[in-house]
Amino acid sequence: MTKATMVEASTGDIPKQNPCAQCGAPIAQPDWIEPGEGRVSYLWTCHACSYRFEAIAIFDEPAAIAYPPLAA
């Protein structure tokens, strides 16, 4: 049996200045972060055009998130 390596994340790992999927304006930080097995989902809202979208980061190793969601 092999021991799985966990990927440790910190607030420095939160994506910043992601471009809006509709208008391209930079978004300072995601509204919501949801870790899952082998992935992290991010919910973004563009304040320039009000477009909302989700982006998913998929990892080879499960992610161990060290920060709480940004919104409740």
PDB file of N, CA and C in Angstrom:
ATOM      1  N   MET A   1       0.846  -1.179   0.000  1.00  0.00           N
ATOM      2  CA  MET A   1       0.000   0.000   0.000  1.00  0.00           C
ATOM      3  C   MET A   1       0.888   1.238   0.000  1.00  0.00           C
ATOM      4  N   THR A   2       0.623   2.186  -0.886  1.00  0.00           N
ATOM      5  CA  THR A   2       1.420   3.404  -0.948  1.00  0.00           C
ATOM      6  C   THR A   2       0.699   4.524  -0.229  1.00  0.00           C
ATOM      7  N   LYS A   3       1.477   5.394   0.345  1.00  0.00           N
ATOM      8  CA  LYS A   3       0.917   6.549   1.064  1.00  0.00           C
ATOM      9  C   LYS A   3       0.721   7.687   0.071  1.00  0.00           C
ATOM     10  N   ALA A   4      -0.479   8.251   0.038  1.00  0.00           N
ATOM     11  CA  ALA A   4      -0.784   9.363  -0.873  1.00  0.00           C
ATOM     12  C   ALA A   4      -0.161  10.650  -0.354  1.00  0.00           C
ATOM     13  N   THR A   5       0.375  11.429  -1.257  1.00  0.00           N
ATOM     14  CA  THR A   5       0.925  12.738  -0.915  1.00  0.00           C
ATOM     15  C   THR A   5      -0.179  13.768  -1.027  1.00  0.00           C
ATOM     16  N   MET A   6      -0.367  14.574   0.003  1.00  0.00           N
ATOM     17  CA  MET A   6      -1.388  15.617  -0.018  1.00  0.00           C
ATOM     18  C   MET A   6      -0.757  16.933  -0.458  1.00  0.00           C
ATOM     19  N   VAL A   7      -1.436  17.655  -1.305  1.00  0.00           N
ATOM     20  CA  VAL A   7      -0.982  18.962  -1.755  1.00  0.00           C
ATOM     21  C   VAL A   7      -1.490  19.983  -0.754  1.00  0.00           C
ATOM     22  N   GLU A   8      -0.610  20.725  -0.131  1.00  0.00           N
ATOM     23  CA  GLU A   8      -0.980  21.736   0.862  1.00  0.00           C
ATOM     24  C   GLU A   8      -1.175  23.074   0.155  1.00  0.00           C
ATOM     25  N   ALA A   9      -2.286  23.721   0.410  1.00  0.00           N
ATOM     26  CA  ALA A   9      -2.571  25.024  -0.181  1.00  0.00           C
ATOM     27  C   ALA A   9      -2.627  26.069   0.915  1.00  0.00           C
ATOM     28  N   SER A  10      -2.315  27.295   0.565  1.00  0.00           N
ATOM     29  CA  SER A  10      -2.387  28.400   1.519  1.00  0.00           C
ATOM     30  C   SER A  10      -3.055  29.576   0.828  1.00  0.00           C
ATOM     31  N   THR A  11      -3.261  30.655   1.565  1.00  0.00           N
ATOM     32  CA  THR A  11      -3.912  31.819   0.959  1.00  0.00           C
ATOM     33  C   THR A  11      -3.081  32.391  -0.185  1.00  0.00           C
ATOM     34  N   GLY A  12      -1.792  32.126  -0.204  1.00  0.00           N
ATOM     35  CA  GLY A  12      -0.956  32.558  -1.319  1.00  0.00           C
ATOM     36  C   GLY A  12      -1.250  31.789  -2.594  1.00  0.00           C
ATOM     37  N   ASP A  13      -1.976  30.647  -2.476  1.00  0.00           N
ATOM     38  CA  ASP A  13      -2.315  29.822  -3.625  1.00  0.00           C
ATOM     39  C   ASP A  13      -3.643  30.212  -4.266  1.00  0.00           C
ATOM     40  N   ILE A  14      -4.390  31.126  -3.646  1.00  0.00           N
ATOM     41  CA  ILE A  14      -5.666  31.547  -4.212  1.00  0.00           C
ATOM     42  C   ILE A  14      -5.393  32.342  -5.489  1.00  0.00           C
ATOM     43  N   PRO A  15      -6.031  31.936  -6.604  1.00  0.00           N
ATOM     44  CA  PRO A  15      -5.794  32.684  -7.844  1.00  0.00           C
ATOM     45  C   PRO A  15      -6.302  34.120  -7.725  1.00  0.00           C
ATOM     46  N   LYS A  16      -5.571  35.025  -8.293  1.00  0.00           N
ATOM     47  CA  LYS A  16      -5.927  36.445  -8.250  1.00  0.00           C
ATOM     48  C   LYS A  16      -5.853  37.012  -9.664  1.00  0.00           C
ATOM     49  N   GLN A  17      -6.637  38.061  -9.907  1.00  0.00           N
ATOM     50  CA  GLN A  17      -6.666  38.761 -11.195  1.00  0.00           C
ATOM     51  C   GLN A  17      -7.014  37.817 -12.354  1.00  0.00           C
ATOM     52  N   ASN A  18      -7.900  36.862 -12.097  1.00  0.00           N
ATOM     53  CA  ASN A  18      -8.378  35.970 -13.150  1.00  0.00           C
ATOM     54  C   ASN A  18      -9.217  36.794 -14.124  1.00  0.00           C
ATOM     55  N   PRO A  19      -9.035  36.633 -15.437  1.00  0.00           N
ATOM     56  CA  PRO A  19      -9.858  37.413 -16.370  1.00  0.00           C
ATOM     57  C   PRO A  19     -11.280  36.871 -16.442  1.00  0.00           C
ATOM     58  N   CYS A  20     -12.237  37.754 -16.601  1.00  0.00           N
ATOM     59  CA  CYS A  20     -13.631  37.378 -16.763  1.00  0.00           C
ATOM     60  C   CYS A  20     -13.768  36.541 -18.038  1.00  0.00           C
ATOM     61  N   ALA A  21     -14.550  35.465 -17.963  1.00  0.00           N
ATOM     62  CA  ALA A  21     -14.756  34.585 -19.112  1.00  0.00           C
ATOM     63  C   ALA A  21     -15.612  35.252 -20.196  1.00  0.00           C
ATOM     64  N   GLN A  22     -16.287  36.339 -19.857  1.00  0.00           N
ATOM     65  CA  GLN A  22     -17.144  37.018 -20.840  1.00  0.00           C
ATOM     66  C   GLN A  22     -16.502  38.290 -21.394  1.00  0.00           C
ATOM     67  N   CYS A  23     -16.067  39.210 -20.496  1.00  0.00           N
ATOM     68  CA  CYS A  23     -15.558  40.506 -20.985  1.00  0.00           C
ATOM     69  C   CYS A  23     -14.041  40.652 -20.857  1.00  0.00           C
ATOM     70  N   GLY A  24     -13.387  39.764 -20.098  1.00  0.00           N
ATOM     71  CA  GLY A  24     -11.930  39.815 -19.974  1.00  0.00           C
ATOM     72  C   GLY A  24     -11.409  40.720 -18.875  1.00  0.00           C
ATOM     73  N   ALA A  25     -12.295  41.432 -18.164  1.00  0.00           N
ATOM     74  CA  ALA A  25     -11.842  42.303 -17.067  1.00  0.00           C
ATOM     75  C   ALA A  25     -11.244  41.449 -15.945  1.00  0.00           C
ATOM     76  N   PRO A  26     -10.175  41.921 -15.296  1.00  0.00           N
ATOM     77  CA  PRO A  26      -9.584  41.136 -14.206  1.00  0.00           C
ATOM     78  C   PRO A  26     -10.495  41.101 -12.976  1.00  0.00           C
ATOM     79  N   ILE A  27     -10.568  39.931 -12.336  1.00  0.00           N
ATOM     80  CA  ILE A  27     -11.350  39.747 -11.109  1.00  0.00           C
ATOM     81  C   ILE A  27     -10.354  39.507  -9.987  1.00  0.00           C
ATOM     82  N   ALA A  28     -10.422  40.332  -8.943  1.00  0.00           N
ATOM     83  CA  ALA A  28      -9.418  40.318  -7.877  1.00  0.00           C
ATOM     84  C   ALA A  28      -9.261  38.953  -7.219  1.00  0.00           C
ATOM     85  N   GLN A  29     -10.369  38.308  -6.848  1.00  0.00           N
ATOM     86  CA  GLN A  29     -10.295  36.994  -6.201  1.00  0.00           C
ATOM     87  C   GLN A  29     -11.637  36.290  -6.350  1.00  0.00           C
ATOM     88  N   PRO A  30     -11.661  34.963  -6.200  1.00  0.00           N
ATOM     89  CA  PRO A  30     -12.928  34.249  -6.339  1.00  0.00           C
ATOM     90  C   PRO A  30     -13.873  34.541  -5.175  1.00  0.00           C
ATOM     91  N   ASP A  31     -15.183  34.399  -5.440  1.00  0.00           N
ATOM     92  CA  ASP A  31     -16.199  34.570  -4.402  1.00  0.00           C
ATOM     93  C   ASP A  31     -16.281  33.344  -3.511  1.00  0.00           C
ATOM     94  N   TRP A  32     -16.004  32.198  -4.063  1.00  0.00           N
ATOM     95  CA  TRP A  32     -16.180  30.939  -3.345  1.00  0.00           C
ATOM     96  C   TRP A  32     -15.104  29.966  -3.792  1.00  0.00           C
ATOM     97  N   ILE A  33     -14.572  29.201  -2.843  1.00  0.00           N
ATOM     98  CA  ILE A  33     -13.592  28.161  -3.130  1.00  0.00           C
ATOM     99  C   ILE A  33     -14.111  26.876  -2.507  1.00  0.00           C
ATOM    100  N   GLU A  34     -14.211  25.829  -3.312  1.00  0.00           N
ATOM    101  CA  GLU A  34     -14.713  24.555  -2.813  1.00  0.00           C
ATOM    102  C   GLU A  34     -13.736  23.440  -3.172  1.00  0.00           C
ATOM    103  N   PRO A  35     -13.029  22.920  -2.168  1.00  0.00           N
ATOM    104  CA  PRO A  35     -12.104  21.817  -2.435  1.00  0.00           C
ATOM    105  C   PRO A  35     -12.866  20.510  -2.614  1.00  0.00           C
ATOM    106  N   GLY A  36     -12.313  19.633  -3.396  1.00  0.00           N
ATOM    107  CA  GLY A  36     -12.875  18.303  -3.599  1.00  0.00           C
ATOM    108  C   GLY A  36     -11.740  17.322  -3.788  1.00  0.00           C
ATOM    109  N   GLU A  37     -12.068  16.098  -3.998  1.00  0.00           N
ATOM    110  CA  GLU A  37     -11.047  15.079  -4.174  1.00  0.00           C
ATOM    111  C   GLU A  37     -10.369  15.266  -5.532  1.00  0.00           C
ATOM    112  N   GLY A  38      -9.114  15.665  -5.502  1.00  0.00           N
ATOM    113  CA  GLY A  38      -8.346  15.870  -6.726  1.00  0.00           C
ATOM    114  C   GLY A  38      -8.671  17.135  -7.491  1.00  0.00           C
ATOM    115  N   ARG A  39      -9.451  18.043  -6.888  1.00  0.00           N
ATOM    116  CA  ARG A  39      -9.819  19.264  -7.594  1.00  0.00           C
ATOM    117  C   ARG A  39     -10.165  20.374  -6.608  1.00  0.00           C
ATOM    118  N   VAL A  40     -10.144  21.604  -7.105  1.00  0.00           N
ATOM    119  CA  VAL A  40     -10.630  22.764  -6.364  1.00  0.00           C
ATOM    120  C   VAL A  40     -11.480  23.573  -7.333  1.00  0.00           C
ATOM    121  N   SER A  41     -12.704  23.904  -6.924  1.00  0.00           N
ATOM    122  CA  SER A  41     -13.607  24.705  -7.753  1.00  0.00           C
ATOM    123  C   SER A  41     -13.601  26.146  -7.256  1.00  0.00           C
ATOM    124  N   TYR A  42     -13.631  27.078  -8.185  1.00  0.00           N
ATOM    125  CA  TYR A  42     -13.636  28.503  -7.864  1.00  0.00           C
ATOM    126  C   TYR A  42     -14.850  29.142  -8.530  1.00  0.00           C
ATOM    127  N   LEU A  43     -15.617  29.938  -7.776  1.00  0.00           N
ATOM    128  CA  LEU A  43     -16.737  30.697  -8.327  1.00  0.00           C
ATOM    129  C   LEU A  43     -16.295  32.152  -8.455  1.00  0.00           C
ATOM    130  N   TRP A  44     -16.429  32.699  -9.646  1.00  0.00           N
ATOM    131  CA  TRP A  44     -15.990  34.062  -9.938  1.00  0.00           C
ATOM    132  C   TRP A  44     -17.188  34.917 -10.321  1.00  0.00           C
ATOM    133  N   THR A  45     -17.185  36.191  -9.921  1.00  0.00           N
ATOM    134  CA  THR A  45     -18.185  37.170 -10.340  1.00  0.00           C
ATOM    135  C   THR A  45     -17.452  38.399 -10.860  1.00  0.00           C
ATOM    136  N   CYS A  46     -17.769  38.785 -12.085  1.00  0.00           N
ATOM    137  CA  CYS A  46     -17.165  39.970 -12.681  1.00  0.00           C
ATOM    138  C   CYS A  46     -17.968  41.193 -12.264  1.00  0.00           C
ATOM    139  N   HIS A  47     -17.316  42.157 -11.650  1.00  0.00           N
ATOM    140  CA  HIS A  47     -17.994  43.381 -11.227  1.00  0.00           C
ATOM    141  C   HIS A  47     -18.157  44.371 -12.381  1.00  0.00           C
ATOM    142  N   ALA A  48     -17.465  44.119 -13.502  1.00  0.00           N
ATOM    143  CA  ALA A  48     -17.595  44.997 -14.670  1.00  0.00           C
ATOM    144  C   ALA A  48     -18.853  44.668 -15.484  1.00  0.00           C
ATOM    145  N   CYS A  49     -19.167  43.355 -15.627  1.00  0.00           N
ATOM    146  CA  CYS A  49     -20.308  42.981 -16.481  1.00  0.00           C
ATOM    147  C   CYS A  49     -21.312  42.062 -15.770  1.00  0.00           C
ATOM    148  N   SER A  50     -21.079  41.757 -14.497  1.00  0.00           N
ATOM    149  CA  SER A  50     -21.964  40.922 -13.661  1.00  0.00           C
ATOM    150  C   SER A  50     -22.030  39.454 -14.084  1.00  0.00           C
ATOM    151  N   TYR A  51     -21.114  39.017 -14.926  1.00  0.00           N
ATOM    152  CA  TYR A  51     -21.089  37.611 -15.352  1.00  0.00           C
ATOM    153  C   TYR A  51     -20.526  36.745 -14.227  1.00  0.00           C
ATOM    154  N   ARG A  52     -21.142  35.573 -13.990  1.00  0.00           N
ATOM    155  CA  ARG A  52     -20.657  34.632 -12.970  1.00  0.00           C
ATOM    156  C   ARG A  52     -20.273  33.339 -13.666  1.00  0.00           C
ATOM    157  N   PHE A  53     -19.150  32.756 -13.245  1.00  0.00           N
ATOM    158  CA  PHE A  53     -18.713  31.498 -13.840  1.00  0.00           C
ATOM    159  C   PHE A  53     -17.880  30.712 -12.840  1.00  0.00           C
ATOM    160  N   GLU A  54     -17.739  29.428 -13.117  1.00  0.00           N
ATOM    161  CA  GLU A  54     -16.962  28.535 -12.266  1.00  0.00           C
ATOM    162  C   GLU A  54     -15.744  28.055 -13.041  1.00  0.00           C
ATOM    163  N   ALA A  55     -14.617  27.972 -12.344  1.00  0.00           N
ATOM    164  CA  ALA A  55     -13.401  27.401 -12.906  1.00  0.00           C
ATOM    165  C   ALA A  55     -12.965  26.272 -11.976  1.00  0.00           C
ATOM    166  N   ILE A  56     -12.446  25.190 -12.547  1.00  0.00           N
ATOM    167  CA  ILE A  56     -12.037  24.038 -11.755  1.00  0.00           C
ATOM    168  C   ILE A  56     -10.571  23.736 -12.035  1.00  0.00           C
ATOM    169  N   ALA A  57      -9.788  23.625 -10.962  1.00  0.00           N
ATOM    170  CA  ALA A  57      -8.390  23.194 -11.063  1.00  0.00           C
ATOM    171  C   ALA A  57      -8.353  21.718 -10.687  1.00  0.00           C
ATOM    172  N   ILE A  58      -7.768  20.888 -11.543  1.00  0.00           N
ATOM    173  CA  ILE A  58      -7.675  19.448 -11.304  1.00  0.00           C
ATOM    174  C   ILE A  58      -6.219  19.094 -11.046  1.00  0.00           C
ATOM    175  N   PHE A  59      -5.994  18.310  -9.974  1.00  0.00           N
ATOM    176  CA  PHE A  59      -4.656  17.938  -9.558  1.00  0.00           C
ATOM    177  C   PHE A  59      -4.447  16.433  -9.681  1.00  0.00           C
ATOM    178  N   ASP A  60      -3.196  16.029  -9.894  1.00  0.00           N
ATOM    179  CA  ASP A  60      -2.860  14.610  -9.897  1.00  0.00           C
ATOM    180  C   ASP A  60      -3.012  14.020  -8.503  1.00  0.00           C
ATOM    181  N   GLU A  61      -2.737  14.839  -7.491  1.00  0.00           N
ATOM    182  CA  GLU A  61      -2.830  14.425  -6.087  1.00  0.00           C
ATOM    183  C   GLU A  61      -4.004  15.152  -5.440  1.00  0.00           C
ATOM    184  N   PRO A  62      -4.692  14.545  -4.469  1.00  0.00           N
ATOM    185  CA  PRO A  62      -5.775  15.248  -3.772  1.00  0.00           C
ATOM    186  C   PRO A  62      -5.259  16.517  -3.095  1.00  0.00           C
ATOM    187  N   ALA A  63      -6.067  17.557  -3.107  1.00  0.00           N
ATOM    188  CA  ALA A  63      -5.678  18.832  -2.509  1.00  0.00           C
ATOM    189  C   ALA A  63      -6.122  18.888  -1.053  1.00  0.00           C
ATOM    190  N   ALA A  64      -5.238  19.353  -0.171  1.00  0.00           N
ATOM    191  CA  ALA A  64      -5.583  19.605   1.230  1.00  0.00           C
ATOM    192  C   ALA A  64      -5.640  21.105   1.383  1.00  0.00           C
ATOM    193  N   ILE A  65      -6.800  21.664   1.466  1.00  0.00           N
ATOM    194  CA  ILE A  65      -6.982  23.111   1.505  1.00  0.00           C
ATOM    195  C   ILE A  65      -6.852  23.601   2.938  1.00  0.00           C
ATOM    196  N   ALA A  66      -6.006  24.611   3.115  1.00  0.00           N
ATOM    197  CA  ALA A  66      -5.718  25.133   4.454  1.00  0.00           C
ATOM    198  C   ALA A  66      -6.436  26.456   4.698  1.00  0.00           C
ATOM    199  N   TYR A  67      -7.453  26.781   3.905  1.00  0.00           N
ATOM    200  CA  TYR A  67      -8.168  28.026   4.102  1.00  0.00           C
ATOM    201  C   TYR A  67      -9.667  27.779   3.943  1.00  0.00           C
ATOM    202  N   PRO A  68     -10.506  28.533   4.647  1.00  0.00           N
ATOM    203  CA  PRO A  68     -11.953  28.358   4.559  1.00  0.00           C
ATOM    204  C   PRO A  68     -12.504  29.028   3.303  1.00  0.00           C
ATOM    205  N   PRO A  69     -13.753  28.736   2.916  1.00  0.00           N
ATOM    206  CA  PRO A  69     -14.366  29.431   1.772  1.00  0.00           C
ATOM    207  C   PRO A  69     -14.398  30.947   2.031  1.00  0.00           C
ATOM    208  N   LEU A  70     -14.345  31.736   0.957  1.00  0.00           N
ATOM    209  CA  LEU A  70     -14.349  33.190   1.070  1.00  0.00           C
ATOM    210  C   LEU A  70     -15.749  33.737   1.306  1.00  0.00           C
ATOM    211  N   ALA A  71     -16.781  32.965   1.011  1.00  0.00           N
ATOM    212  CA  ALA A  71     -18.157  33.421   1.191  1.00  0.00           C
ATOM    213  C   ALA A  71     -18.966  32.332   1.888  1.00  0.00           C
ATOM    214  N   ALA A  72     -20.033  32.746   2.527  1.00  0.00           N
ATOM    215  CA  ALA A  72     -20.878  31.758   3.222  1.00  0.00           C
ATOM    216  C   ALA A  72     -22.149  31.515   2.472  1.00  0.00           C
TER     217      ALA A  72
END
